[in-house]
N, C-alpha and C. Protein backbone atom coordinates (compact mmCIF):
# COMPACT_ATOMS: atom_id res chain seq x y z
N MET A 1 174.04 58.00 51.31
CA MET A 1 174.70 59.12 51.41
C MET A 1 175.85 59.22 50.72
N SER A 2 176.36 60.32 50.39
CA SER A 2 178.17 60.37 50.10
C SER A 2 178.87 61.24 50.76
N ILE A 3 180.32 61.27 50.10
CA ILE A 3 181.07 62.23 50.89
C ILE A 3 180.68 63.49 50.56
N GLY A 4 181.34 64.29 51.49
CA GLY A 4 181.03 65.67 51.57
C GLY A 4 182.67 66.36 51.53
N LEU A 5 182.43 67.65 51.49
CA LEU A 5 183.86 68.98 51.28
C LEU A 5 183.84 69.73 52.24
N LEU A 6 184.96 70.00 53.27
CA LEU A 6 184.98 70.85 54.01
C LEU A 6 185.64 71.91 53.59
N GLY A 7 185.08 73.33 53.61
CA GLY A 7 185.67 74.57 53.17
C GLY A 7 185.57 75.80 54.25
N ARG A 8 185.66 77.29 53.71
CA ARG A 8 185.30 78.16 54.14
C ARG A 8 184.54 79.06 53.41
N LYS A 9 183.81 80.02 53.86
CA LYS A 9 182.80 80.83 53.25
C LYS A 9 183.65 82.14 52.76
N LEU A 10 183.63 82.57 51.58
CA LEU A 10 184.87 83.60 51.74
C LEU A 10 184.14 84.78 51.26
N GLY A 11 182.72 84.98 51.01
CA GLY A 11 181.67 85.99 50.54
C GLY A 11 181.11 85.69 49.47
N MET A 12 180.50 86.60 49.26
CA MET A 12 179.38 86.74 48.01
C MET A 12 179.75 87.69 46.87
N THR A 13 179.14 87.24 45.45
CA THR A 13 179.52 88.11 44.32
C THR A 13 178.28 88.01 43.42
N GLN A 14 178.57 88.27 42.28
CA GLN A 14 177.63 88.15 41.24
C GLN A 14 178.27 87.27 39.86
N VAL A 15 177.65 86.51 39.37
CA VAL A 15 178.24 85.92 37.80
C VAL A 15 176.94 86.21 37.17
N TYR A 16 177.51 85.86 35.64
CA TYR A 16 176.28 85.80 34.69
C TYR A 16 176.18 84.37 34.33
N ASP A 17 175.19 83.89 33.93
CA ASP A 17 174.93 82.60 33.33
C ASP A 17 175.00 82.59 32.13
N GLY A 18 174.40 81.32 31.65
CA GLY A 18 174.75 80.97 30.00
C GLY A 18 173.86 81.99 29.17
N ASP A 19 172.72 82.19 29.92
CA ASP A 19 171.57 83.15 29.25
C ASP A 19 171.79 84.48 29.43
N GLY A 20 172.89 84.72 30.14
CA GLY A 20 173.00 86.36 30.49
C GLY A 20 172.31 86.76 31.85
N ASN A 21 171.70 86.14 32.46
CA ASN A 21 171.11 86.61 33.82
C ASN A 21 172.07 86.49 34.76
N LEU A 22 172.11 87.80 35.71
CA LEU A 22 172.81 88.12 36.71
C LEU A 22 172.48 86.94 38.01
N VAL A 23 173.45 86.29 38.55
CA VAL A 23 173.26 85.25 39.51
C VAL A 23 173.91 85.75 41.08
N PRO A 24 173.33 85.72 42.10
CA PRO A 24 173.77 85.79 43.25
C PRO A 24 174.39 84.55 43.47
N VAL A 25 175.83 84.40 44.17
CA VAL A 25 176.37 83.28 44.17
C VAL A 25 177.18 83.67 45.61
N THR A 26 177.58 82.42 46.37
CA THR A 26 178.46 82.29 47.32
C THR A 26 179.54 81.54 47.18
N VAL A 27 180.91 82.38 47.51
CA VAL A 27 182.42 81.70 46.77
C VAL A 27 182.56 80.84 48.35
N VAL A 28 182.91 79.47 48.27
CA VAL A 28 183.26 78.49 48.92
C VAL A 28 184.75 78.04 48.79
N GLY A 29 185.82 78.35 49.45
CA GLY A 29 186.82 78.18 49.08
C GLY A 29 187.53 76.78 49.81
N ALA A 30 187.79 75.79 49.41
CA ALA A 30 188.36 74.75 49.94
C ALA A 30 189.67 73.90 49.36
N GLU A 31 190.41 74.12 50.39
CA GLU A 31 191.84 73.36 49.56
C GLU A 31 191.57 71.87 50.11
N PRO A 32 192.38 71.02 48.98
CA PRO A 32 191.91 69.97 49.21
C PRO A 32 191.85 69.05 50.75
N ASN A 33 190.62 68.22 50.89
CA ASN A 33 190.34 67.62 51.91
C ASN A 33 191.27 66.40 51.82
N VAL A 34 191.60 65.38 53.06
CA VAL A 34 192.07 64.62 52.86
C VAL A 34 191.59 63.26 54.07
N VAL A 35 191.60 62.28 53.40
CA VAL A 35 190.69 61.04 53.99
C VAL A 35 191.72 60.51 55.43
N VAL A 36 191.31 60.42 56.56
CA VAL A 36 192.25 60.41 57.88
C VAL A 36 192.03 58.82 58.22
N ARG A 37 190.62 58.37 58.07
CA ARG A 37 190.26 57.27 58.70
C ARG A 37 189.09 56.62 57.65
N VAL A 38 189.25 55.13 57.30
CA VAL A 38 188.14 54.49 57.03
C VAL A 38 187.67 53.44 57.95
N GLN A 39 186.43 53.14 58.11
CA GLN A 39 185.88 51.92 58.97
C GLN A 39 184.65 51.90 58.96
N ALA A 40 184.24 50.32 59.06
CA ALA A 40 183.21 49.75 58.82
C ALA A 40 181.75 50.70 59.63
N CYS A 41 180.82 50.52 59.48
CA CYS A 41 179.51 51.38 59.80
C CYS A 41 178.47 50.87 59.63
N GLY A 42 178.04 49.79 60.11
CA GLY A 42 176.83 48.93 59.83
C GLY A 42 176.76 48.13 58.86
N GLU A 43 175.69 47.52 58.50
CA GLU A 43 175.77 46.57 57.22
C GLU A 43 175.76 47.47 56.28
N GLY A 44 176.71 47.20 55.25
CA GLY A 44 176.72 47.94 53.98
C GLY A 44 177.18 49.41 53.87
N LYS A 45 177.54 49.58 55.17
CA LYS A 45 178.14 51.19 55.25
C LYS A 45 179.33 51.19 55.78
N LYS A 46 180.30 52.66 55.45
CA LYS A 46 181.41 52.39 56.32
C LYS A 46 181.52 54.20 56.27
N SER A 47 182.28 54.61 57.13
CA SER A 47 182.35 56.09 57.85
C SER A 47 183.68 56.50 57.31
N VAL A 48 183.84 57.45 56.57
CA VAL A 48 185.04 58.27 55.76
C VAL A 48 185.34 59.31 56.77
N GLN A 49 186.30 59.69 57.53
CA GLN A 49 186.52 60.78 57.90
C GLN A 49 187.54 61.75 57.45
N MET A 50 187.12 62.78 57.35
CA MET A 50 188.02 63.83 56.51
C MET A 50 188.48 64.82 57.47
N GLY A 51 189.78 65.33 56.90
CA GLY A 51 190.33 66.37 57.56
C GLY A 51 190.71 67.42 56.69
N PHE A 52 190.67 69.20 57.29
CA PHE A 52 190.66 70.33 56.79
C PHE A 52 191.44 70.94 57.10
N GLU A 53 192.51 71.99 56.22
CA GLU A 53 193.29 72.75 57.26
C GLU A 53 194.29 72.24 58.00
N THR A 54 195.70 72.45 57.59
CA THR A 54 196.70 72.15 58.09
C THR A 54 196.74 72.90 59.54
N VAL A 55 197.46 72.27 60.31
CA VAL A 55 197.63 72.95 61.53
C VAL A 55 199.10 72.65 62.35
N ARG A 56 199.53 73.48 63.10
CA ARG A 56 200.73 72.80 63.48
C ARG A 56 200.47 72.01 64.90
N GLU A 57 201.42 70.73 65.14
CA GLU A 57 201.36 69.73 65.99
C GLU A 57 200.87 70.23 67.25
N LYS A 58 201.79 71.14 67.82
CA LYS A 58 201.69 71.71 68.89
C LYS A 58 200.28 72.10 69.47
N ARG A 59 199.40 72.34 68.57
CA ARG A 59 197.97 72.97 68.82
C ARG A 59 197.19 71.91 68.92
N LEU A 60 197.55 70.62 68.73
CA LEU A 60 196.56 69.34 69.16
C LEU A 60 196.77 68.79 70.61
N THR A 61 195.55 68.07 70.67
CA THR A 61 196.02 67.49 72.31
C THR A 61 196.74 65.76 71.77
N LYS A 62 197.38 65.32 72.82
CA LYS A 62 197.99 64.09 72.62
C LYS A 62 197.07 63.11 71.75
N PRO A 63 196.18 62.95 72.36
CA PRO A 63 194.99 61.67 71.33
C PRO A 63 195.01 62.19 69.94
N LEU A 64 194.94 63.14 69.64
CA LEU A 64 194.71 63.98 68.29
C LEU A 64 196.19 63.57 67.52
N ARG A 65 197.50 64.14 68.34
CA ARG A 65 198.53 63.44 67.88
C ARG A 65 198.77 62.16 67.40
N GLY A 66 198.36 61.15 68.32
CA GLY A 66 198.32 59.76 67.89
C GLY A 66 197.57 59.47 66.88
N HIS A 67 196.58 59.93 66.65
CA HIS A 67 195.44 59.49 65.64
C HIS A 67 195.63 59.81 64.35
N PHE A 68 196.50 61.08 64.19
CA PHE A 68 197.27 61.55 63.06
C PHE A 68 198.38 60.62 62.72
N ALA A 69 199.33 60.35 63.68
CA ALA A 69 200.56 59.61 63.65
C ALA A 69 200.09 58.23 62.99
N LYS A 70 198.97 57.88 63.77
CA LYS A 70 198.70 56.29 63.21
C LYS A 70 198.27 56.24 61.83
N ALA A 71 197.58 57.51 61.28
CA ALA A 71 197.26 57.50 59.93
C ALA A 71 198.54 57.80 59.08
N GLY A 72 199.40 58.63 59.47
CA GLY A 72 200.65 58.67 58.77
C GLY A 72 200.00 60.13 58.38
N ILE A 73 199.47 60.82 58.46
CA ILE A 73 198.93 62.10 57.70
C ILE A 73 199.15 63.66 58.70
N ALA A 74 199.90 64.57 57.73
CA ALA A 74 199.65 65.69 58.72
C ALA A 74 198.61 66.24 59.56
N PRO A 75 198.76 66.72 60.72
CA PRO A 75 197.87 67.17 61.58
C PRO A 75 196.74 68.07 60.79
N ARG A 76 195.49 67.92 60.66
CA ARG A 76 194.32 68.88 60.29
C ARG A 76 193.78 69.46 61.25
N ARG A 77 193.36 70.68 61.00
CA ARG A 77 192.44 71.53 62.25
C ARG A 77 191.38 70.85 62.42
N PHE A 78 190.24 70.52 61.39
CA PHE A 78 189.01 70.02 61.62
C PHE A 78 188.88 68.70 60.95
N LEU A 79 188.04 68.19 61.50
CA LEU A 79 187.74 66.64 61.05
C LEU A 79 186.15 66.30 61.22
N ARG A 80 185.54 65.76 60.19
CA ARG A 80 184.23 65.50 59.94
C ARG A 80 184.15 64.08 59.32
N GLU A 81 182.96 63.65 59.98
CA GLU A 81 182.89 62.12 59.38
C GLU A 81 181.42 62.01 58.45
N PHE A 82 181.62 61.40 57.24
CA PHE A 82 180.26 61.07 56.29
C PHE A 82 180.35 59.54 56.26
N VAL A 83 178.89 59.10 56.40
CA VAL A 83 178.98 57.81 56.09
C VAL A 83 178.32 57.35 54.41
N VAL A 84 179.12 56.33 54.03
CA VAL A 84 178.84 56.22 52.57
C VAL A 84 178.84 54.70 52.27
N ASP A 85 178.34 53.96 50.99
CA ASP A 85 178.09 52.86 50.73
C ASP A 85 179.61 52.21 50.62
N ALA A 86 179.51 51.10 51.20
CA ALA A 86 180.75 50.14 51.24
C ALA A 86 181.27 50.17 49.95
N THR A 87 180.66 50.00 49.03
CA THR A 87 181.20 49.88 47.60
C THR A 87 181.99 50.84 47.44
N GLU A 88 181.92 52.34 47.96
CA GLU A 88 182.64 53.22 47.39
C GLU A 88 184.34 52.87 47.94
N GLU A 89 185.24 53.39 46.89
CA GLU A 89 186.47 53.00 47.63
C GLU A 89 187.31 54.39 47.99
N TRP A 90 187.63 54.51 49.25
CA TRP A 90 188.23 55.32 49.89
C TRP A 90 189.34 55.07 50.84
N GLY A 91 190.51 55.69 50.94
CA GLY A 91 191.66 55.15 51.59
C GLY A 91 192.57 56.19 52.41
N PRO A 92 193.07 56.20 53.41
CA PRO A 92 193.86 57.05 54.47
C PRO A 92 194.73 57.76 53.35
N GLY A 93 194.90 59.12 53.43
CA GLY A 93 195.83 59.90 52.53
C GLY A 93 195.21 60.12 51.34
N GLN A 94 194.14 59.78 50.86
CA GLN A 94 193.61 60.07 49.58
C GLN A 94 193.09 61.50 49.49
N GLU A 95 193.30 62.31 48.69
CA GLU A 95 192.68 63.75 48.68
C GLU A 95 191.35 64.11 47.98
N VAL A 96 190.55 64.81 48.32
CA VAL A 96 189.39 65.17 47.42
C VAL A 96 189.23 66.52 47.74
N GLY A 97 189.02 67.05 46.24
CA GLY A 97 188.97 68.65 45.90
C GLY A 97 187.70 69.15 45.60
N VAL A 98 187.62 70.58 45.13
CA VAL A 98 186.39 70.81 44.48
C VAL A 98 185.72 70.24 43.32
N ASN A 99 186.51 69.41 42.82
CA ASN A 99 186.07 68.35 41.57
C ASN A 99 185.09 67.37 41.93
N LEU A 100 184.93 66.88 43.29
CA LEU A 100 184.26 66.19 43.92
C LEU A 100 182.68 66.67 43.18
N PHE A 101 182.13 67.96 42.98
CA PHE A 101 181.10 68.28 42.37
C PHE A 101 181.02 68.72 41.10
N ARG A 102 179.98 69.08 40.59
CA ARG A 102 179.88 69.39 39.13
C ARG A 102 178.97 70.55 38.99
N PRO A 103 179.12 71.41 37.80
CA PRO A 103 178.13 72.59 37.86
C PRO A 103 176.59 72.16 37.41
N GLY A 104 175.62 72.64 38.19
CA GLY A 104 174.49 72.19 38.20
C GLY A 104 173.86 71.31 39.13
N GLN A 105 174.98 70.64 39.82
CA GLN A 105 174.35 69.56 40.92
C GLN A 105 174.01 70.25 42.42
N LEU A 106 172.79 69.68 42.88
CA LEU A 106 172.27 70.03 44.16
C LEU A 106 173.10 69.68 45.30
N VAL A 107 173.18 70.44 46.17
CA VAL A 107 174.17 70.48 47.11
C VAL A 107 173.55 70.84 48.79
N ASP A 108 173.68 70.37 49.62
CA ASP A 108 173.23 70.90 50.97
C ASP A 108 174.53 71.61 51.59
N VAL A 109 174.46 72.61 52.21
CA VAL A 109 175.55 73.33 52.98
C VAL A 109 175.11 73.49 54.42
N ILE A 110 176.16 73.10 55.29
CA ILE A 110 175.90 72.88 56.87
C ILE A 110 176.95 74.15 57.40
N GLY A 111 176.50 74.99 57.96
CA GLY A 111 177.40 75.76 58.73
C GLY A 111 176.69 76.40 60.33
N ILE A 112 177.51 77.19 60.78
CA ILE A 112 177.14 77.55 62.13
C ILE A 112 176.59 79.31 61.96
N SER A 113 175.16 79.49 62.08
CA SER A 113 174.61 80.48 61.65
C SER A 113 175.00 81.85 62.22
N LYS A 114 174.89 82.92 62.18
CA LYS A 114 175.40 84.27 62.71
C LYS A 114 174.71 84.37 64.27
N GLY A 115 175.71 84.50 64.69
CA GLY A 115 175.15 84.94 66.36
C GLY A 115 174.20 86.24 66.22
N LYS A 116 172.88 86.30 66.94
CA LYS A 116 172.26 87.40 67.02
C LYS A 116 172.30 88.26 68.23
N GLY A 117 172.57 87.24 69.56
CA GLY A 117 172.89 87.46 70.66
C GLY A 117 171.13 87.13 71.14
N PHE A 118 170.66 87.88 72.77
CA PHE A 118 169.50 87.61 73.13
C PHE A 118 168.65 88.74 72.69
N GLN A 119 167.34 87.91 71.92
CA GLN A 119 166.47 88.45 71.04
C GLN A 119 165.12 88.44 71.95
N GLY A 120 163.89 89.28 71.46
CA GLY A 120 162.68 89.10 71.66
C GLY A 120 161.94 87.98 70.93
N VAL A 121 160.61 87.85 71.09
CA VAL A 121 159.88 87.12 70.32
C VAL A 121 159.59 87.29 69.21
N MET A 122 159.37 89.02 68.97
CA MET A 122 159.26 89.48 67.85
C MET A 122 160.32 89.00 66.46
N LYS A 123 161.63 89.26 67.03
CA LYS A 123 162.78 89.05 66.08
C LYS A 123 162.84 87.43 66.03
N LYS A 124 162.79 86.64 66.98
CA LYS A 124 163.18 85.51 67.34
C LYS A 124 161.99 84.33 66.47
N HIS A 125 160.79 84.91 66.71
CA HIS A 125 159.68 83.69 66.39
C HIS A 125 158.69 84.48 65.67
N ASN A 126 158.72 85.32 65.29
CA ASN A 126 157.91 85.99 64.26
C ASN A 126 156.82 86.50 64.82
N PHE A 127 156.42 86.75 66.14
CA PHE A 127 155.42 87.13 66.69
C PHE A 127 154.81 88.38 66.15
N SER A 128 153.46 88.62 66.06
CA SER A 128 153.13 89.94 65.54
C SER A 128 152.95 91.16 66.63
N GLY A 129 153.31 90.68 67.68
CA GLY A 129 153.36 91.94 69.01
C GLY A 129 151.80 92.24 69.37
N GLN A 130 151.94 93.20 70.18
CA GLN A 130 150.38 93.63 70.79
C GLN A 130 149.99 95.19 70.51
N GLY A 131 149.34 95.54 71.26
CA GLY A 131 148.68 96.96 70.88
C GLY A 131 150.04 97.98 70.97
N ALA A 132 149.86 98.89 69.79
CA ALA A 132 151.15 99.81 69.63
C ALA A 132 150.59 101.48 70.06
N ALA A 133 149.03 101.40 70.56
CA ALA A 133 148.77 102.64 70.93
C ALA A 133 149.18 103.30 72.48
N HIS A 134 148.84 104.42 72.69
CA HIS A 134 149.58 104.77 74.21
C HIS A 134 149.05 104.10 75.34
N GLY A 135 148.01 103.73 75.10
CA GLY A 135 147.50 103.03 76.18
C GLY A 135 148.25 101.56 76.72
N SER A 136 148.84 101.10 75.97
CA SER A 136 149.38 99.84 75.73
C SER A 136 150.79 99.86 76.45
N LYS A 137 151.33 98.83 77.33
CA LYS A 137 152.35 98.72 77.62
C LYS A 137 152.86 97.45 77.30
N MET A 138 152.67 96.65 76.37
CA MET A 138 153.16 95.64 76.28
C MET A 138 153.28 95.43 74.58
N HIS A 139 153.80 96.48 74.08
CA HIS A 139 154.23 96.47 72.52
C HIS A 139 154.66 95.29 71.80
N ARG A 140 155.91 94.81 72.43
CA ARG A 140 156.44 93.94 71.90
C ARG A 140 156.77 92.72 72.63
N ARG A 141 155.87 92.56 73.73
CA ARG A 141 155.84 91.40 74.65
C ARG A 141 155.07 90.20 73.91
N ASN A 142 155.62 89.19 74.70
CA ASN A 142 155.05 87.85 74.23
C ASN A 142 153.52 87.80 74.72
N GLY A 143 153.22 88.41 75.90
CA GLY A 143 151.84 87.91 76.62
C GLY A 143 151.86 86.83 77.25
N ALA A 144 150.79 86.26 77.62
CA ALA A 144 150.39 84.97 78.48
C ALA A 144 151.16 83.95 77.93
N VAL A 145 151.78 83.07 78.89
CA VAL A 145 152.46 81.96 78.22
C VAL A 145 151.86 80.57 78.78
N GLY A 146 151.33 80.95 80.02
CA GLY A 146 150.86 79.96 80.47
C GLY A 146 149.38 79.39 80.29
N CYS A 147 148.61 78.56 81.46
CA CYS A 147 147.40 77.80 81.16
C CYS A 147 146.58 77.99 82.44
N ARG A 148 145.69 77.25 82.45
CA ARG A 148 144.76 77.40 83.75
C ARG A 148 145.51 76.35 84.79
N SER A 149 144.73 76.22 85.82
CA SER A 149 145.43 75.38 86.94
C SER A 149 145.80 73.86 86.37
N THR A 150 144.89 73.40 85.61
CA THR A 150 145.38 72.04 84.76
C THR A 150 145.75 72.68 83.20
N PRO A 151 146.87 72.21 83.06
CA PRO A 151 147.87 71.52 83.37
C PRO A 151 148.77 72.13 84.39
N GLY A 152 148.70 73.55 84.76
CA GLY A 152 149.41 74.13 85.80
C GLY A 152 150.81 74.44 85.47
N ARG A 153 151.30 74.35 84.09
CA ARG A 153 152.50 74.52 83.65
C ARG A 153 152.77 75.18 82.54
N ILE A 154 154.02 75.55 81.85
CA ILE A 154 154.04 76.05 80.45
C ILE A 154 154.31 74.85 79.58
N TYR A 155 153.69 74.99 78.62
CA TYR A 155 154.03 73.81 77.63
C TYR A 155 155.50 73.81 77.03
N ARG A 156 155.89 72.74 76.67
CA ARG A 156 157.34 72.60 76.13
C ARG A 156 157.33 73.22 74.43
N ASN A 157 158.22 74.17 74.46
CA ASN A 157 158.48 74.56 72.91
C ASN A 157 157.70 75.51 72.73
N GLN A 158 157.34 76.18 73.75
CA GLN A 158 156.52 77.67 73.97
C GLN A 158 157.49 78.81 73.58
N GLY A 159 157.16 79.39 72.74
CA GLY A 159 158.26 80.75 71.93
C GLY A 159 158.58 81.59 72.97
N MET A 160 159.76 81.87 73.51
CA MET A 160 160.00 82.77 74.60
C MET A 160 161.54 83.31 74.14
N PRO A 161 161.70 84.83 74.78
CA PRO A 161 162.89 85.39 74.37
C PRO A 161 164.06 84.43 74.68
N GLY A 162 165.00 84.90 73.84
CA GLY A 162 166.18 84.00 74.06
C GLY A 162 167.37 84.01 73.09
N GLN A 163 168.50 83.22 73.12
CA GLN A 163 169.67 83.19 72.42
C GLN A 163 169.24 82.97 70.70
N LEU A 164 169.39 83.93 69.73
CA LEU A 164 169.21 83.72 68.45
C LEU A 164 170.59 83.62 67.53
N GLY A 165 170.34 82.48 66.83
CA GLY A 165 171.51 82.19 65.97
C GLY A 165 172.72 81.40 66.61
N SER A 166 173.69 81.58 66.06
CA SER A 166 174.99 80.61 66.41
C SER A 166 174.80 79.46 66.61
N ALA A 167 173.80 78.75 65.63
CA ALA A 167 173.48 77.04 65.54
C ALA A 167 173.64 76.31 64.30
N ARG A 168 174.02 75.22 64.30
CA ARG A 168 173.97 74.25 63.33
C ARG A 168 172.63 74.81 62.25
N THR A 169 173.12 74.90 61.05
CA THR A 169 172.09 75.06 60.42
C THR A 169 172.21 74.44 58.85
N THR A 170 171.27 73.88 58.53
CA THR A 170 171.39 73.66 56.98
C THR A 170 170.84 74.10 56.05
N VAL A 171 171.20 74.49 54.81
CA VAL A 171 170.40 75.08 53.81
C VAL A 171 170.71 73.92 52.70
N GLN A 172 169.35 73.52 52.28
CA GLN A 172 169.52 72.50 51.26
C GLN A 172 169.02 72.92 49.91
N ASP A 173 169.45 71.92 49.18
CA ASP A 173 169.17 71.98 47.60
C ASP A 173 169.56 73.47 46.99
N LEU A 174 171.06 73.86 47.00
CA LEU A 174 171.46 74.78 46.77
C LEU A 174 172.41 74.23 45.14
N ALA A 175 172.11 74.93 44.04
CA ALA A 175 172.75 74.67 43.02
C ALA A 175 174.03 75.26 42.86
N VAL A 176 175.08 74.30 42.44
CA VAL A 176 176.50 74.59 42.26
C VAL A 176 176.57 75.21 40.63
N VAL A 177 177.16 76.54 40.88
CA VAL A 177 176.88 77.35 39.59
C VAL A 177 178.37 77.07 38.90
N SER A 178 179.31 77.01 39.18
CA SER A 178 180.46 76.87 38.83
C SER A 178 181.68 76.08 39.83
N VAL A 179 182.67 75.43 39.29
CA VAL A 179 183.59 74.48 39.90
C VAL A 179 184.87 75.26 39.21
N ARG A 180 185.76 76.11 40.08
CA ARG A 180 186.72 76.51 39.94
C ARG A 180 188.26 75.75 40.20
N GLU A 181 189.08 74.68 39.87
CA GLU A 181 189.59 73.87 40.30
C GLU A 181 190.85 74.76 40.27
N GLU A 182 191.37 75.68 39.52
CA GLU A 182 192.56 76.28 39.98
C GLU A 182 192.13 77.50 41.08
N ASP A 183 191.26 77.78 41.35
CA ASP A 183 190.99 78.74 42.34
C ASP A 183 190.67 77.81 43.84
N ARG A 184 190.52 76.63 43.34
CA ARG A 184 189.94 75.80 44.54
C ARG A 184 188.81 76.34 45.13
N ALA A 185 187.76 76.60 44.37
CA ALA A 185 186.68 77.19 44.99
C ALA A 185 185.33 76.60 44.46
N LEU A 186 184.18 77.01 44.82
CA LEU A 186 183.08 76.58 44.33
C LEU A 186 182.44 77.84 44.51
N LEU A 187 181.28 78.16 43.41
CA LEU A 187 180.55 78.90 43.53
C LEU A 187 179.06 78.42 43.53
N ILE A 188 178.26 78.61 44.62
CA ILE A 188 176.85 78.08 44.90
C ILE A 188 175.85 79.14 44.86
N ARG A 189 174.73 79.07 44.27
CA ARG A 189 173.59 79.74 43.98
C ARG A 189 173.16 80.20 45.34
N GLY A 190 172.94 81.49 45.62
CA GLY A 190 172.32 82.06 47.07
C GLY A 190 173.47 82.03 47.73
N SER A 191 172.55 82.11 49.13
CA SER A 191 173.30 82.81 50.27
C SER A 191 173.44 81.17 51.35
N ILE A 192 174.77 81.15 52.09
CA ILE A 192 174.49 79.95 52.81
C ILE A 192 175.04 80.46 54.38
N PRO A 193 174.75 79.28 55.09
CA PRO A 193 174.69 79.90 56.72
C PRO A 193 176.37 80.24 56.97
N GLY A 194 176.49 81.15 58.19
CA GLY A 194 177.51 81.54 58.67
C GLY A 194 178.19 82.89 58.34
N ALA A 195 179.17 83.42 59.25
CA ALA A 195 180.02 84.54 58.37
C ALA A 195 181.04 84.22 57.94
N ARG A 196 181.65 85.45 57.26
CA ARG A 196 182.71 85.50 56.03
C ARG A 196 183.86 84.79 57.28
N GLY A 197 184.37 83.85 56.41
CA GLY A 197 185.44 83.04 56.91
C GLY A 197 185.29 81.59 57.97
N GLY A 198 183.89 81.31 58.03
CA GLY A 198 183.27 80.44 58.70
C GLY A 198 183.38 79.19 58.10
N LEU A 199 183.44 77.99 58.93
CA LEU A 199 183.71 76.64 58.16
C LEU A 199 182.13 76.17 57.77
N VAL A 200 182.18 75.58 56.74
CA VAL A 200 180.78 75.07 55.91
C VAL A 200 181.44 73.54 55.74
N VAL A 201 180.26 72.83 55.45
CA VAL A 201 180.46 71.47 55.20
C VAL A 201 179.32 71.46 53.70
N VAL A 202 179.91 70.89 52.47
CA VAL A 202 179.05 71.07 51.55
C VAL A 202 179.08 69.82 51.16
N ARG A 203 177.81 69.05 50.89
CA ARG A 203 177.62 67.42 50.45
C ARG A 203 176.39 67.61 49.38
N THR A 204 176.49 66.29 48.51
CA THR A 204 175.39 66.24 48.06
C THR A 204 174.07 66.13 48.46
N ALA A 205 173.22 66.80 47.90
CA ALA A 205 171.82 67.17 48.29
C ALA A 205 171.11 65.66 48.76
N ILE A 206 170.38 65.49 49.65
CA ILE A 206 170.33 64.23 50.19
C ILE A 206 168.61 64.04 50.10
N LYS A 207 167.84 65.49 49.20
CA LYS A 207 166.77 65.11 48.88
C LYS A 207 166.32 64.93 47.31
N GLY A 208 167.41 65.04 46.41
CA GLY A 208 167.04 64.67 45.28
C GLY A 208 167.97 65.40 44.47
N GLN A 209 168.05 65.40 43.17
CA GLN A 209 168.87 65.96 42.14
C GLN A 209 167.76 66.55 41.29
N PRO A 210 168.14 67.41 40.03
CA PRO A 210 167.87 67.56 39.01
C PRO A 210 167.16 66.35 38.12
N LYS A 211 166.11 66.29 37.62
CA LYS A 211 165.84 64.99 36.89
C LYS A 211 166.24 65.15 35.29
N PRO A 212 166.86 64.25 34.71
CA PRO A 212 167.40 64.39 33.29
C PRO A 212 165.99 64.32 32.50
N PRO A 213 166.51 65.35 31.45
CA PRO A 213 165.15 65.51 30.48
C PRO A 213 164.85 64.58 29.90
N ALA A 214 163.41 64.12 29.65
CA ALA A 214 162.70 63.31 29.13
C ALA A 214 163.31 62.79 27.84
N LYS A 215 163.04 61.62 27.17
CA LYS A 215 163.59 61.52 25.80
C LYS A 215 162.53 61.44 25.08
N PRO A 216 162.61 62.25 23.50
CA PRO A 216 161.60 62.35 22.59
C PRO A 216 160.50 60.95 22.84
N GLN A 217 161.12 59.70 22.62
CA GLN A 217 160.08 58.74 22.60
C GLN A 217 159.27 58.54 23.58
N ALA A 218 159.85 58.93 25.03
CA ALA A 218 159.22 58.58 25.74
C ALA A 218 158.00 59.55 25.86
N LYS A 219 158.04 60.96 25.57
CA LYS A 219 157.22 62.05 25.50
C LYS A 219 155.99 61.55 24.45
N ALA A 220 156.76 61.07 23.31
CA ALA A 220 155.70 60.66 22.12
C ALA A 220 154.71 59.40 22.78
N ALA A 221 155.36 58.53 23.31
CA ALA A 221 154.72 57.30 24.02
C ALA A 221 153.51 57.99 25.31
N LYS A 222 153.81 59.00 25.96
CA LYS A 222 152.74 59.37 26.79
C LYS A 222 151.71 60.15 26.36
N SER A 223 152.38 61.18 25.17
CA SER A 223 150.91 61.80 24.52
C SER A 223 149.96 60.95 23.69
N GLN A 224 150.58 60.02 23.29
CA GLN A 224 149.76 58.76 22.64
C GLN A 224 148.73 58.09 23.65
N ALA A 225 149.22 57.83 24.66
CA ALA A 225 148.57 57.04 25.81
C ALA A 225 147.42 58.21 26.21
N ALA A 226 147.85 59.68 26.54
CA ALA A 226 146.85 60.33 26.83
C ALA A 226 145.75 60.60 25.96
N GLY A 227 146.05 60.61 24.35
CA GLY A 227 144.93 60.99 23.51
C GLY A 227 144.08 59.76 23.54
N LYS A 228 144.57 58.30 23.80
CA LYS A 228 143.59 57.00 23.79
C LYS A 228 142.76 57.17 24.81
N SER A 229 143.15 57.75 26.04
CA SER A 229 142.57 57.87 27.31
C SER A 229 141.42 58.96 27.30
N SER A 230 141.63 60.17 26.33
CA SER A 230 140.97 61.05 26.25
C SER A 230 139.56 60.40 25.37
N LYS A 231 139.61 59.67 24.34
CA LYS A 231 138.59 59.35 23.39
C LYS A 231 137.99 58.06 23.99
N LYS A 232 138.36 57.46 25.24
CA LYS A 232 137.54 56.70 25.62
C LYS A 232 136.57 57.34 26.45
């Protein structure tokens, strides 16, 4: 894994790419994050704690005041930890900005989704509903949820009405469209979790990155191999 960046979701807009296509993007504002603590975390790994957004000291608890005083860093409102390889060089007080990422890079964005309140099964779990005619009184109900006398209980994870949203959500493999250091902002393709002004964490995608274009020599060798196999 690698280090990430904390920021605020500022909203959505549209920009043109190099081919003249209109691309919807989300703007993430991120003032420089600061490394608060670095410590060992298993074999070949270490934990890097990042702080974001300055806050008055009186807003903190005594343990947090001592934590920042020990590090010699001004208090920060939010703290998050990232596990990185032990070979990476990070030290307390080091600042990390939006230049951590580059255009075209794939990232994962973590945030708290918008709260929708108490919702039924059709909205929450995409149930199809029941009869919509006049004789039915179960239009949007979930119907029977139990079973027979064996097992005599409702199975776990049965779709039921309940609170929707307001939960930690990760959207993976979003492309960075632009890095604007002068504005301290990232432009990320598509939508990301949370409301405008909400805290988000942007990290390098854990599932993969765009593959580099194949070299002409490799393409030629592959085509020759395919031709030989077809002759056989």
